C-alpha atoms as a PDB file:
ATOM      1  CA  UNK A   1     -27.493 -11.832  -4.681  1.00  0.00           C
ATOM      2  CA  UNK A   2     -26.756 -10.110  -1.360  1.00  0.00           C
ATOM      3  CA  UNK A   3     -28.929 -10.676   1.503  1.00  0.00           C
ATOM      4  CA  UNK A   4     -27.317  -8.711   4.323  1.00  0.00           C
ATOM      5  CA  UNK A   5     -25.243  -5.546   3.471  1.00  0.00           C
ATOM      6  CA  UNK A   6     -23.455  -3.671   6.258  1.00  0.00           C
ATOM      7  CA  UNK A   7     -22.420  -0.076   5.892  1.00  0.00           C
ATOM      8  CA  UNK A   8     -19.683   0.589   8.368  1.00  0.00           C
ATOM      9  CA  UNK A   9     -20.349   4.372   9.220  1.00  0.00           C
ATOM     10  CA  UNK A  10     -19.224   7.072  11.775  1.00  0.00           C
ATOM     11  CA  UNK A  11     -21.300  10.117  10.390  1.00  0.00           C
ATOM     12  CA  UNK A  12     -18.131  11.534   8.623  1.00  0.00           C
ATOM     13  CA  UNK A  13     -18.053  12.687   4.906  1.00  0.00           C
ATOM     14  CA  UNK A  14     -16.354   9.260   4.130  1.00  0.00           C
ATOM     15  CA  UNK A  15     -19.340   7.357   5.321  1.00  0.00           C
ATOM     16  CA  UNK A  16     -21.756   9.476   3.522  1.00  0.00           C
ATOM     17  CA  UNK A  17     -19.901   8.960   0.248  1.00  0.00           C
ATOM     18  CA  UNK A  18     -19.959   5.044   1.048  1.00  0.00           C
ATOM     19  CA  UNK A  19     -23.827   5.459   1.818  1.00  0.00           C
ATOM     20  CA  UNK A  20     -24.253   6.847  -1.631  1.00  0.00           C
ATOM     21  CA  UNK A  21     -22.632   3.775  -3.007  1.00  0.00           C
ATOM     22  CA  UNK A  22     -24.770   1.483  -0.716  1.00  0.00           C
ATOM     23  CA  UNK A  23     -27.958   3.010  -2.531  1.00  0.00           C
ATOM     24  CA  UNK A  24     -26.654   2.027  -5.828  1.00  0.00           C
ATOM     25  CA  UNK A  25     -25.911  -1.542  -4.762  1.00  0.00           C
ATOM     26  CA  UNK A  26     -29.194  -1.835  -2.833  1.00  0.00           C
ATOM     27  CA  UNK A  27     -30.948  -1.015  -6.122  1.00  0.00           C
ATOM     28  CA  UNK A  28     -29.832  -4.429  -7.453  1.00  0.00           C
ATOM     29  CA  UNK A  29     -30.560  -6.186  -4.275  1.00  0.00           C
ATOM     30  CA  UNK A  30     -33.831  -5.003  -3.208  1.00  0.00           C
ATOM     31  CA  UNK A  31     -34.551  -7.767  -0.772  1.00  0.00           C
ATOM     32  CA  UNK A  32     -31.220  -7.223   1.245  1.00  0.00           C
ATOM     33  CA  UNK A  33     -31.044  -6.227   4.805  1.00  0.00           C
ATOM     34  CA  UNK A  34     -29.526  -2.880   4.975  1.00  0.00           C
ATOM     35  CA  UNK A  35     -27.713  -2.290   8.114  1.00  0.00           C
ATOM     36  CA  UNK A  36     -25.653   1.069   9.263  1.00  0.00           C
ATOM     37  CA  UNK A  37     -23.021  -0.376  11.781  1.00  0.00           C
ATOM     38  CA  UNK A  38     -21.304   2.205  14.009  1.00  0.00           C
ATOM     39  CA  UNK A  39     -18.248   0.711  16.035  1.00  0.00           C
ATOM     40  CA  UNK A  40     -17.554   3.068  19.046  1.00  0.00           C
ATOM     41  CA  UNK A  41     -13.815   3.308  19.619  1.00  0.00           C
ATOM     42  CA  UNK A  42     -13.130   2.657  23.187  1.00  0.00           C
ATOM     43  CA  UNK A  43     -10.473   5.463  23.137  1.00  0.00           C
ATOM     44  CA  UNK A  44     -13.247   8.149  22.513  1.00  0.00           C
ATOM     45  CA  UNK A  45     -15.790   6.756  25.171  1.00  0.00           C
ATOM     46  CA  UNK A  46     -14.283   8.818  27.883  1.00  0.00           C
ATOM     47  CA  UNK A  47     -14.717  11.984  26.040  1.00  0.00           C
ATOM     48  CA  UNK A  48     -18.327  11.044  25.306  1.00  0.00           C
ATOM     49  CA  UNK A  49     -19.086  10.296  28.998  1.00  0.00           C
ATOM     50  CA  UNK A  50     -17.356  13.646  30.041  1.00  0.00           C
ATOM     51  CA  UNK A  51     -19.585  15.739  27.669  1.00  0.00           C
ATOM     52  CA  UNK A  52     -22.848  13.928  28.456  1.00  0.00           C
ATOM     53  CA  UNK A  53     -25.081  13.662  31.458  1.00  0.00           C
ATOM     54  CA  UNK A  54     -26.750  10.406  30.900  1.00  0.00           C
ATOM     55  CA  UNK A  55     -26.462   7.135  29.060  1.00  0.00           C
ATOM     56  CA  UNK A  56     -29.448   8.105  26.972  1.00  0.00           C
ATOM     57  CA  UNK A  57     -27.925  11.273  25.921  1.00  0.00           C
ATOM     58  CA  UNK A  58     -24.525   9.423  24.810  1.00  0.00           C
ATOM     59  CA  UNK A  59     -26.838   7.126  22.644  1.00  0.00           C
ATOM     60  CA  UNK A  60     -28.754  10.003  21.206  1.00  0.00           C
ATOM     61  CA  UNK A  61     -25.603  11.618  20.337  1.00  0.00           C
ATOM     62  CA  UNK A  62     -24.313   8.603  18.621  1.00  0.00           C
ATOM     63  CA  UNK A  63     -27.428   8.181  16.558  1.00  0.00           C
ATOM     64  CA  UNK A  64     -27.377  11.823  15.591  1.00  0.00           C
ATOM     65  CA  UNK A  65     -23.845  11.479  14.023  1.00  0.00           C
ATOM     66  CA  UNK A  66     -25.445   8.733  11.814  1.00  0.00           C
ATOM     67  CA  UNK A  67     -28.383  10.797  10.851  1.00  0.00           C
ATOM     68  CA  UNK A  68     -26.991  12.260   7.611  1.00  0.00           C
ATOM     69  CA  UNK A  69     -26.227   8.715   6.406  1.00  0.00           C
ATOM     70  CA  UNK A  70     -29.472   7.203   7.569  1.00  0.00           C
ATOM     71  CA  UNK A  71     -31.367  10.097   5.832  1.00  0.00           C
ATOM     72  CA  UNK A  72     -29.677   9.596   2.520  1.00  0.00           C
ATOM     73  CA  UNK A  73     -30.443   5.869   2.638  1.00  0.00           C
ATOM     74  CA  UNK A  74     -34.126   6.570   3.828  1.00  0.00           C
ATOM     75  CA  UNK A  75     -34.561   9.255   1.006  1.00  0.00           C
ATOM     76  CA  UNK A  76     -33.616   6.604  -1.561  1.00  0.00           C
ATOM     77  CA  UNK A  77     -36.422   4.329  -0.207  1.00  0.00           C
ATOM     78  CA  UNK A  78     -34.167   2.028   1.848  1.00  0.00           C
ATOM     79  CA  UNK A  79     -35.054   1.169   5.277  1.00  0.00           C
ATOM     80  CA  UNK A  80     -31.673   0.722   7.182  1.00  0.00           C
ATOM     81  CA  UNK A  81     -31.284  -0.723  10.637  1.00  0.00           C
ATOM     82  CA  UNK A  82     -28.904   1.130  12.792  1.00  0.00           C
ATOM     83  CA  UNK A  83     -26.607  -0.981  15.130  1.00  0.00           C
ATOM     84  CA  UNK A  84     -24.131   0.519  17.467  1.00  0.00           C
ATOM     85  CA  UNK A  85     -21.450  -1.755  18.913  1.00  0.00           C
ATOM     86  CA  UNK A  86     -18.345  -1.121  21.212  1.00  0.00           C
ATOM     87  CA  UNK A  87     -14.703  -2.082  20.477  1.00  0.00           C
ATOM     88  CA  UNK A  88     -11.962  -1.321  18.224  1.00  0.00           C
ATOM     89  CA  UNK A  89     -13.603  -0.416  14.910  1.00  0.00           C
ATOM     90  CA  UNK A  90     -11.585  -2.668  12.616  1.00  0.00           C
ATOM     91  CA  UNK A  91     -11.747  -5.970  14.260  1.00  0.00           C
ATOM     92  CA  UNK A  92     -15.337  -5.149  15.710  1.00  0.00           C
ATOM     93  CA  UNK A  93     -16.700  -4.482  12.271  1.00  0.00           C
ATOM     94  CA  UNK A  94     -15.221  -7.934  10.879  1.00  0.00           C
ATOM     95  CA  UNK A  95     -16.451  -9.833  14.101  1.00  0.00           C
ATOM     96  CA  UNK A  96     -19.825  -8.415  13.705  1.00  0.00           C
ATOM     97  CA  UNK A  97     -20.022  -9.152   9.969  1.00  0.00           C
ATOM     98  CA  UNK A  98     -18.900 -12.761  10.463  1.00  0.00           C
ATOM     99  CA  UNK A  99     -21.267 -13.449  13.357  1.00  0.00           C
ATOM    100  CA  UNK A 100     -24.229 -12.070  11.542  1.00  0.00           C
ATOM    101  CA  UNK A 101     -23.489 -13.707   8.085  1.00  0.00           C
ATOM    102  CA  UNK A 102     -22.899 -10.463   6.176  1.00  0.00           C
ATOM    103  CA  UNK A 103     -22.568 -10.722   2.503  1.00  0.00           C
ATOM    104  CA  UNK A 104     -21.005  -7.360   1.949  1.00  0.00           C
ATOM    105  CA  UNK A 105     -19.348  -4.531   3.900  1.00  0.00           C
ATOM    106  CA  UNK A 106     -19.263  -1.059   2.537  1.00  0.00           C
ATOM    107  CA  UNK A 107     -16.847   1.291   4.291  1.00  0.00           C
ATOM    108  CA  UNK A 108     -15.473   4.745   3.525  1.00  0.00           C
ATOM    109  CA  UNK A 109     -11.815   5.732   3.508  1.00  0.00           C
ATOM    110  CA  UNK A 110      -9.919   8.939   4.235  1.00  0.00           C
ATOM    111  CA  UNK A 111      -7.504   8.232   1.467  1.00  0.00           C
ATOM    112  CA  UNK A 112      -4.445   7.908   3.476  1.00  0.00           C
ATOM    113  CA  UNK A 113      -1.072   7.872   1.865  1.00  0.00           C
ATOM    114  CA  UNK A 114       1.102   4.831   2.815  1.00  0.00           C
ATOM    115  CA  UNK A 115       2.914   6.712   5.536  1.00  0.00           C
ATOM    116  CA  UNK A 116      -0.126   8.056   6.990  1.00  0.00           C
ATOM    117  CA  UNK A 117      -1.913   4.650   6.914  1.00  0.00           C
ATOM    118  CA  UNK A 118       1.311   3.184   8.602  1.00  0.00           C
ATOM    119  CA  UNK A 119       1.425   5.718  11.549  1.00  0.00           C
ATOM    120  CA  UNK A 120      -2.221   6.240  12.033  1.00  0.00           C
ATOM    121  CA  UNK A 121      -3.654   2.944  11.019  1.00  0.00           C
ATOM    122  CA  UNK A 122      -6.668   2.334   8.807  1.00  0.00           C
ATOM    123  CA  UNK A 123     -10.006   1.011   9.637  1.00  0.00           C
ATOM    124  CA  UNK A 124     -10.876   0.080   6.081  1.00  0.00           C
ATOM    125  CA  UNK A 125      -7.517  -1.558   5.801  1.00  0.00           C
ATOM    126  CA  UNK A 126      -8.058  -3.675   8.957  1.00  0.00           C
ATOM    127  CA  UNK A 127     -11.474  -4.739   7.587  1.00  0.00           C
ATOM    128  CA  UNK A 128     -10.429  -5.583   4.125  1.00  0.00           C
ATOM    129  CA  UNK A 129      -7.584  -7.739   5.416  1.00  0.00           C
ATOM    130  CA  UNK A 130      -9.623  -9.613   7.954  1.00  0.00           C
ATOM    131  CA  UNK A 131     -13.130  -9.885   6.547  1.00  0.00           C
ATOM    132  CA  UNK A 132     -14.635 -13.143   5.497  1.00  0.00           C
ATOM    133  CA  UNK A 133     -16.925 -11.461   2.783  1.00  0.00           C
ATOM    134  CA  UNK A 134     -16.438  -8.941   0.095  1.00  0.00           C
ATOM    135  CA  UNK A 135     -15.668  -5.436   1.094  1.00  0.00           C
ATOM    136  CA  UNK A 136     -16.175  -2.295  -0.901  1.00  0.00           C
ATOM    137  CA  UNK A 137     -13.950   0.644   0.092  1.00  0.00           C
ATOM    138  CA  UNK A 138     -15.187   4.047  -1.097  1.00  0.00           C
ATOM    139  CA  UNK A 139     -12.955   6.996  -1.587  1.00  0.00           C
END
């Protein structure tokens, strides 16, 4: 079964819904490594730096964003590892998953319509298109 499951999360409601699905899947893969992966979008780093005093504060704030996701998994008896990477989220998630031999990626989606997705782009669409492992998109 699955040995390494990555939950791509950013702390949004979408990622909390994806975490709920992670709990269900982890129940049938009790030995799997569970990892919460947060890809920091370079376009948002400037804003983080302007609103923080130290690198430690930036890291703390990023981890705080993931707290609801981590709490949901922990309350379900899972022991998630949190990893924060830098880069364009779609390609960065795919690269990370390939490099670390991920068996499954779980990611939430905002449910954009075709026009919105074309104009705004979609991280989940980029991941599904390029990933070398199965991807579960949660609406």
